[in-house]
C-alpha cells in the first residue's frame, strides 16, 4: 500500500470505526496477497477515481460485522440480519462518503458505487483485482477485516 490513497483511506476508516462504533478495537497484522481465496463474505463498495479504481470492504470473520453494526447503530438487535446489513451499509457509506469529501477538498474526484453484500464465492468471481490488502480487526472478541481490493 505504501504512501498511497489506500494508506490514507485505511487510516481514515480505522479512525472512523474507533470514533463511531463505541467498541474497543484491536488491529492485527496487516498483510497483502494476490490469492482470491483470501476473500470472504462481506460488504463491498467500489470507488472510482481518475487514476484509480478499488474496493473497500468489511468482511465478517466471526460475528465482526454484527459487532460493528451494533456499535455503530447503538442498538442491541440480536440476530436481525436485515438490520446488520443496513447498519453496516450505512457505516461503509459514511466512511467512504466522508473520505471522498476530504479528497475532493484537495481537488481529487472520486465516485462511489452502491455497496453490495457478496457471499464468498460471488466476491471471488465478481471482483477483479491485482492485490488485496487485509487489515484484521477484533471488536470485543468478534473478528472482521477491513480490506482494500486494488
C-alpha atoms as a PDB file:
ATOM      1  CA  UNK A   1       0.000   0.000   0.000  1.00  0.00           C
ATOM      2  CA  UNK A   2       2.840   2.384   0.766  1.00  0.00           C
ATOM      3  CA  UNK A   3       2.194   6.114   0.788  1.00  0.00           C
ATOM      4  CA  UNK A   4      -0.919   5.981  -1.326  1.00  0.00           C
ATOM      5  CA  UNK A   5      -4.605   6.830  -1.279  1.00  0.00           C
ATOM      6  CA  UNK A   6      -5.145   3.378   0.218  1.00  0.00           C
ATOM      7  CA  UNK A   7      -2.952   4.201   3.208  1.00  0.00           C
ATOM      8  CA  UNK A   8      -4.837   7.458   3.815  1.00  0.00           C
ATOM      9  CA  UNK A   9      -8.167   5.726   3.314  1.00  0.00           C
ATOM     10  CA  UNK A  10      -7.299   2.844   5.658  1.00  0.00           C
ATOM     11  CA  UNK A  11      -6.238   5.253   8.410  1.00  0.00           C
ATOM     12  CA  UNK A  12      -9.432   7.223   7.865  1.00  0.00           C
ATOM     13  CA  UNK A  13     -11.561   4.037   8.013  1.00  0.00           C
ATOM     14  CA  UNK A  14      -9.909   2.840  11.224  1.00  0.00           C
ATOM     15  CA  UNK A  15     -10.270   6.260  12.853  1.00  0.00           C
ATOM     16  CA  UNK A  16     -13.922   6.393  11.816  1.00  0.00           C
ATOM     17  CA  UNK A  17     -14.580   2.924  13.279  1.00  0.00           C
ATOM     18  CA  UNK A  18     -12.928   3.814  16.581  1.00  0.00           C
ATOM     19  CA  UNK A  19     -14.855   7.090  16.863  1.00  0.00           C
ATOM     20  CA  UNK A  20     -18.251   5.799  15.737  1.00  0.00           C
ATOM     21  CA  UNK A  21     -18.710   2.182  16.837  1.00  0.00           C
ATOM     22  CA  UNK A  22     -18.071   2.718  20.557  1.00  0.00           C
ATOM     23  CA  UNK A  23     -16.484  -0.742  20.723  1.00  0.00           C
ATOM     24  CA  UNK A  24     -12.843  -1.341  21.713  1.00  0.00           C
ATOM     25  CA  UNK A  25     -10.961  -2.254  18.527  1.00  0.00           C
ATOM     26  CA  UNK A  26      -7.702  -4.154  18.264  1.00  0.00           C
ATOM     27  CA  UNK A  27      -5.813  -4.125  14.963  1.00  0.00           C
ATOM     28  CA  UNK A  28      -3.967  -7.249  13.853  1.00  0.00           C
ATOM     29  CA  UNK A  29      -1.059  -7.666  11.457  1.00  0.00           C
ATOM     30  CA  UNK A  30      -1.805  -6.082   8.084  1.00  0.00           C
ATOM     31  CA  UNK A  31      -0.942  -8.219   5.066  1.00  0.00           C
ATOM     32  CA  UNK A  32      -1.359  -8.209   1.296  1.00  0.00           C
ATOM     33  CA  UNK A  33      -1.985 -11.113  -1.022  1.00  0.00           C
ATOM     34  CA  UNK A  34      -2.923 -11.956  -4.593  1.00  0.00           C
ATOM     35  CA  UNK A  35      -4.824 -15.086  -3.541  1.00  0.00           C
ATOM     36  CA  UNK A  36      -8.554 -14.848  -4.382  1.00  0.00           C
ATOM     37  CA  UNK A  37      -9.230 -17.484  -1.719  1.00  0.00           C
ATOM     38  CA  UNK A  38      -8.494 -14.797   0.884  1.00  0.00           C
ATOM     39  CA  UNK A  39     -11.787 -13.026   0.055  1.00  0.00           C
ATOM     40  CA  UNK A  40     -14.633 -13.743   2.467  1.00  0.00           C
ATOM     41  CA  UNK A  41     -18.304 -12.786   2.568  1.00  0.00           C
ATOM     42  CA  UNK A  42     -18.850  -9.145   3.338  1.00  0.00           C
ATOM     43  CA  UNK A  43     -19.935  -5.702   2.336  1.00  0.00           C
ATOM     44  CA  UNK A  44     -18.033  -4.071  -0.536  1.00  0.00           C
ATOM     45  CA  UNK A  45     -18.143  -0.641  -2.148  1.00  0.00           C
ATOM     46  CA  UNK A  46     -16.338   0.359  -5.328  1.00  0.00           C
ATOM     47  CA  UNK A  47     -14.557   3.716  -5.509  1.00  0.00           C
ATOM     48  CA  UNK A  48     -13.716   5.112  -8.937  1.00  0.00           C
ATOM     49  CA  UNK A  49     -11.283   7.974  -9.471  1.00  0.00           C
ATOM     50  CA  UNK A  50      -9.318   9.410 -12.371  1.00  0.00           C
ATOM     51  CA  UNK A  51      -6.186   7.400 -11.601  1.00  0.00           C
ATOM     52  CA  UNK A  52      -7.605   4.540  -9.553  1.00  0.00           C
ATOM     53  CA  UNK A  53     -10.417   2.092  -9.075  1.00  0.00           C
ATOM     54  CA  UNK A  54     -10.616  -0.041  -5.966  1.00  0.00           C
ATOM     55  CA  UNK A  55     -12.987  -1.552  -3.430  1.00  0.00           C
ATOM     56  CA  UNK A  56     -13.213  -1.028   0.285  1.00  0.00           C
ATOM     57  CA  UNK A  57     -14.829  -3.919   2.078  1.00  0.00           C
ATOM     58  CA  UNK A  58     -15.651  -5.060   5.559  1.00  0.00           C
ATOM     59  CA  UNK A  59     -15.679  -8.834   5.742  1.00  0.00           C
ATOM     60  CA  UNK A  60     -17.220 -10.883   8.504  1.00  0.00           C
ATOM     61  CA  UNK A  61     -14.952 -13.466  10.084  1.00  0.00           C
ATOM     62  CA  UNK A  62     -16.511 -14.189  13.461  1.00  0.00           C
ATOM     63  CA  UNK A  63     -19.538 -12.055  14.292  1.00  0.00           C
ATOM     64  CA  UNK A  64     -17.459  -8.973  13.442  1.00  0.00           C
ATOM     65  CA  UNK A  65     -19.965  -7.361  11.096  1.00  0.00           C
ATOM     66  CA  UNK A  66     -22.644  -7.751  13.769  1.00  0.00           C
ATOM     67  CA  UNK A  67     -20.398  -6.126  16.408  1.00  0.00           C
ATOM     68  CA  UNK A  68     -19.582  -3.230  14.060  1.00  0.00           C
ATOM     69  CA  UNK A  69     -23.254  -2.685  13.157  1.00  0.00           C
ATOM     70  CA  UNK A  70     -24.386  -2.925  16.777  1.00  0.00           C
ATOM     71  CA  UNK A  71     -21.739  -0.437  17.939  1.00  0.00           C
ATOM     72  CA  UNK A  72     -22.432   1.988  15.091  1.00  0.00           C
ATOM     73  CA  UNK A  73     -26.231   1.886  15.440  1.00  0.00           C
ATOM     74  CA  UNK A  74     -26.172   1.818  19.246  1.00  0.00           C
ATOM     75  CA  UNK A  75     -28.852  -0.858  19.262  1.00  0.00           C
ATOM     76  CA  UNK A  76     -28.984  -4.432  20.523  1.00  0.00           C
ATOM     77  CA  UNK A  77     -30.829  -6.071  17.647  1.00  0.00           C
ATOM     78  CA  UNK A  78     -29.849  -9.691  18.355  1.00  0.00           C
ATOM     79  CA  UNK A  79     -29.549 -11.599  15.059  1.00  0.00           C
ATOM     80  CA  UNK A  80     -31.667  -9.448  12.737  1.00  0.00           C
ATOM     81  CA  UNK A  81     -29.594  -9.809   9.554  1.00  0.00           C
ATOM     82  CA  UNK A  82     -31.559  -7.084   7.741  1.00  0.00           C
ATOM     83  CA  UNK A  83     -30.628  -4.595  10.471  1.00  0.00           C
ATOM     84  CA  UNK A  84     -26.993  -5.761  10.489  1.00  0.00           C
ATOM     85  CA  UNK A  85     -26.811  -5.294   6.718  1.00  0.00           C
ATOM     86  CA  UNK A  86     -28.490  -1.861   6.796  1.00  0.00           C
ATOM     87  CA  UNK A  87     -26.354  -0.539   9.662  1.00  0.00           C
ATOM     88  CA  UNK A  88     -23.153  -1.892   8.095  1.00  0.00           C
ATOM     89  CA  UNK A  89     -24.151  -0.398   4.743  1.00  0.00           C
ATOM     90  CA  UNK A  90     -24.709   2.999   6.336  1.00  0.00           C
ATOM     91  CA  UNK A  91     -21.346   2.729   8.086  1.00  0.00           C
ATOM     92  CA  UNK A  92     -19.424   1.939   4.892  1.00  0.00           C
ATOM     93  CA  UNK A  93     -21.267   4.744   3.069  1.00  0.00           C
ATOM     94  CA  UNK A  94     -20.275   7.195   5.815  1.00  0.00           C
ATOM     95  CA  UNK A  95     -16.636   6.062   5.834  1.00  0.00           C
ATOM     96  CA  UNK A  96     -16.317   6.287   2.069  1.00  0.00           C
ATOM     97  CA  UNK A  97     -18.510   9.366   1.668  1.00  0.00           C
ATOM     98  CA  UNK A  98     -16.572  11.409   4.181  1.00  0.00           C
ATOM     99  CA  UNK A  99     -13.286  10.182   2.705  1.00  0.00           C
ATOM    100  CA  UNK A 100     -14.430  11.264  -0.786  1.00  0.00           C
ATOM    101  CA  UNK A 101     -15.388  14.704   0.560  1.00  0.00           C
ATOM    102  CA  UNK A 102     -11.963  15.060   2.203  1.00  0.00           C
ATOM    103  CA  UNK A 103     -10.211  14.100  -1.039  1.00  0.00           C
ATOM    104  CA  UNK A 104     -12.443  16.492  -3.050  1.00  0.00           C
ATOM    105  CA  UNK A 105     -11.139  19.375  -0.944  1.00  0.00           C
ATOM    106  CA  UNK A 106      -7.719  18.527  -2.410  1.00  0.00           C
ATOM    107  CA  UNK A 107      -9.115  18.526  -5.952  1.00  0.00           C
ATOM    108  CA  UNK A 108      -9.476  14.743  -6.309  1.00  0.00           C
ATOM    109  CA  UNK A 109     -12.714  13.438  -7.761  1.00  0.00           C
ATOM    110  CA  UNK A 110     -13.830  10.001  -6.608  1.00  0.00           C
ATOM    111  CA  UNK A 111     -17.255   8.493  -7.176  1.00  0.00           C
ATOM    112  CA  UNK A 112     -18.907   5.755  -5.155  1.00  0.00           C
ATOM    113  CA  UNK A 113     -20.961   2.883  -6.482  1.00  0.00           C
ATOM    114  CA  UNK A 114     -23.688   1.359  -4.296  1.00  0.00           C
ATOM    115  CA  UNK A 115     -22.372  -1.086  -1.737  1.00  0.00           C
ATOM    116  CA  UNK A 116     -23.008  -4.788  -2.224  1.00  0.00           C
ATOM    117  CA  UNK A 117     -23.151  -7.665   0.206  1.00  0.00           C
ATOM    118  CA  UNK A 118     -21.407 -10.557  -1.515  1.00  0.00           C
ATOM    119  CA  UNK A 119     -21.044 -14.128  -0.378  1.00  0.00           C
ATOM    120  CA  UNK A 120     -17.541 -15.568  -0.542  1.00  0.00           C
ATOM    121  CA  UNK A 121     -17.780 -17.244  -3.973  1.00  0.00           C
ATOM    122  CA  UNK A 122     -19.612 -14.297  -5.508  1.00  0.00           C
ATOM    123  CA  UNK A 123     -16.956 -11.871  -4.247  1.00  0.00           C
ATOM    124  CA  UNK A 124     -14.228 -14.048  -5.750  1.00  0.00           C
ATOM    125  CA  UNK A 125     -15.932 -14.233  -9.144  1.00  0.00           C
ATOM    126  CA  UNK A 126     -17.271 -10.642  -9.467  1.00  0.00           C
ATOM    127  CA  UNK A 127     -14.342  -8.577  -8.237  1.00  0.00           C
ATOM    128  CA  UNK A 128     -11.205  -8.434 -10.357  1.00  0.00           C
ATOM    129  CA  UNK A 129      -8.021  -7.346  -8.633  1.00  0.00           C
ATOM    130  CA  UNK A 130      -4.241  -7.221  -8.596  1.00  0.00           C
ATOM    131  CA  UNK A 131      -3.789  -7.218  -4.849  1.00  0.00           C
ATOM    132  CA  UNK A 132      -5.855  -7.492  -1.674  1.00  0.00           C
ATOM    133  CA  UNK A 133      -4.805  -5.697   1.496  1.00  0.00           C
ATOM    134  CA  UNK A 134      -6.258  -7.181   4.709  1.00  0.00           C
ATOM    135  CA  UNK A 135      -6.482  -5.202   7.947  1.00  0.00           C
ATOM    136  CA  UNK A 136      -7.681  -7.638  10.645  1.00  0.00           C
ATOM    137  CA  UNK A 137      -9.672  -6.084  13.476  1.00  0.00           C
ATOM    138  CA  UNK A 138     -11.103  -7.546  16.658  1.00  0.00           C
ATOM    139  CA  UNK A 139     -14.051  -5.928  18.394  1.00  0.00           C
ATOM    140  CA  UNK A 140     -14.743  -7.311  21.837  1.00  0.00           C
ATOM    141  CA  UNK A 141     -13.908 -10.870  20.808  1.00  0.00           C
ATOM    142  CA  UNK A 142     -15.587 -10.638  17.394  1.00  0.00           C
ATOM    143  CA  UNK A 143     -13.429 -10.607  14.278  1.00  0.00           C
ATOM    144  CA  UNK A 144     -13.679  -8.834  10.939  1.00  0.00           C
ATOM    145  CA  UNK A 145     -11.340  -7.376   8.347  1.00  0.00           C
ATOM    146  CA  UNK A 146     -11.219  -4.118   6.508  1.00  0.00           C
ATOM    147  CA  UNK A 147      -9.974  -4.930   3.043  1.00  0.00           C
ATOM    148  CA  UNK A 148      -8.829  -2.909   0.086  1.00  0.00           C
ATOM    149  CA  UNK A 149      -9.125  -4.668  -3.241  1.00  0.00           C
ATOM    150  CA  UNK A 150      -6.802  -2.982  -5.682  1.00  0.00           C
END
